[in-house]
C-alpha atoms as a PDB file:
ATOM      1  CA  MET A   1       0.209  -0.205  -0.502  1.00  0.00           C
ATOM      2  CA  GLN A   2       1.586   3.799  -1.189  1.00  0.00           C
ATOM      3  CA  SER A   3      -0.003   6.635   1.341  1.00  0.00           C
ATOM      4  CA  GLY A   4       1.426   9.103  -1.286  1.00  0.00           C
ATOM      5  CA  PHE A   5       3.979  11.056   1.350  1.00  0.00           C
ATOM      6  CA  ASP A   6       7.703  11.418   0.185  1.00  0.00           C
ATOM      7  CA  GLU A   7       9.402   9.292   2.441  1.00  0.00           C
ATOM      8  CA  GLN A   8      12.298  11.183   2.662  1.00  0.00           C
ATOM      9  CA  ASN A   9      10.437  14.093   4.237  1.00  0.00           C
ATOM     10  CA  PRO A  10       7.007  13.327   6.096  1.00  0.00           C
ATOM     11  CA  PRO A  11       4.908  15.479   6.942  1.00  0.00           C
ATOM     12  CA  TYR A  12       4.753  15.064  10.820  1.00  0.00           C
ATOM     13  CA  ALA A  13       4.419  18.962  11.686  1.00  0.00           C
ATOM     14  CA  THR A  14       1.512  19.038   9.488  1.00  0.00           C
ATOM     15  CA  TRP A  15      -0.113  15.833  11.029  1.00  0.00           C
ATOM     16  CA  SER A  16       0.499  16.793  14.244  1.00  0.00           C
ATOM     17  CA  GLY A  17      -0.744  19.867  13.939  1.00  0.00           C
ATOM     18  CA  THR A  18      -3.969  18.976  12.519  1.00  0.00           C
ATOM     19  CA  VAL A  19      -4.844  16.317  15.175  1.00  0.00           C
ATOM     20  CA  ALA A  20      -3.856  18.864  17.927  1.00  0.00           C
ATOM     21  CA  GLY A  21      -6.353  21.413  16.281  1.00  0.00           C
ATOM     22  CA  LEU A  22      -9.024  18.409  16.281  1.00  0.00           C
ATOM     23  CA  GLY A  23      -8.116  17.958  19.953  1.00  0.00           C
ATOM     24  CA  GLU A  24      -9.091  21.818  20.691  1.00  0.00           C
ATOM     25  CA  LEU A  25     -12.738  21.330  18.631  1.00  0.00           C
ATOM     26  CA  VAL A  26     -13.621  18.247  20.920  1.00  0.00           C
ATOM     27  CA  ARG A  27     -12.735  20.410  23.845  1.00  0.00           C
ATOM     28  CA  TYR A  28     -14.877  23.480  22.449  1.00  0.00           C
ATOM     29  CA  HIS A  29     -18.099  21.638  21.910  1.00  0.00           C
ATOM     30  CA  GLN A  30     -18.010  19.014  25.610  1.00  0.00           C
ATOM     31  CA  MET A  31     -17.003  21.976  28.124  1.00  0.00           C
ATOM     32  CA  PRO A  32     -19.522  24.314  28.682  1.00  0.00           C
ATOM     33  CA  ASP A  33     -16.628  26.984  29.932  1.00  0.00           C
ATOM     34  CA  TRP A  34     -14.346  26.785  27.384  1.00  0.00           C
ATOM     35  CA  GLN A  35     -11.192  28.407  26.853  1.00  0.00           C
ATOM     36  CA  PRO A  36      -8.432  28.701  24.312  1.00  0.00           C
ATOM     37  CA  ILE A  37      -5.051  26.893  25.348  1.00  0.00           C
ATOM     38  CA  TRP A  38      -3.607  30.011  23.119  1.00  0.00           C
ATOM     39  CA  LEU A  39      -2.893  33.215  25.961  1.00  0.00           C
ATOM     40  CA  PRO A  40      -4.104  36.856  24.442  1.00  0.00           C
ATOM     41  CA  GLU A  41      -1.608  39.077  23.053  1.00  0.00           C
ATOM     42  CA  GLU A  42      -0.255  41.563  25.382  1.00  0.00           C
ATOM     43  CA  PRO A  43      -0.472  45.456  24.201  1.00  0.00           C
ATOM     44  CA  ALA A  44       2.984  46.808  23.731  1.00  0.00           C
ATOM     45  CA  THR A  45       3.625  50.313  25.669  1.00  0.00           C
ATOM     46  CA  ALA A  46       5.495  53.007  25.684  1.00  0.00           C
ATOM     47  CA  ASP A  47       8.400  51.459  27.863  1.00  0.00           C
ATOM     48  CA  ALA A  48       8.869  48.609  25.823  1.00  0.00           C
ATOM     49  CA  ALA A  49       9.758  50.172  22.788  1.00  0.00           C
ATOM     50  CA  ARG A  50      13.292  52.154  24.404  1.00  0.00           C
END
């Protein structure tokens, strides 16, 4: 059986990202108070630019 993937350069990163996204989607539908796993981006301050 042939998968169609390049044996020298398998798409592991792409597949692991897809699986992680599916897991997050399952949690979104199963948990009533779901929060994303990503932290919100903090706004830049004037002191940080110095």
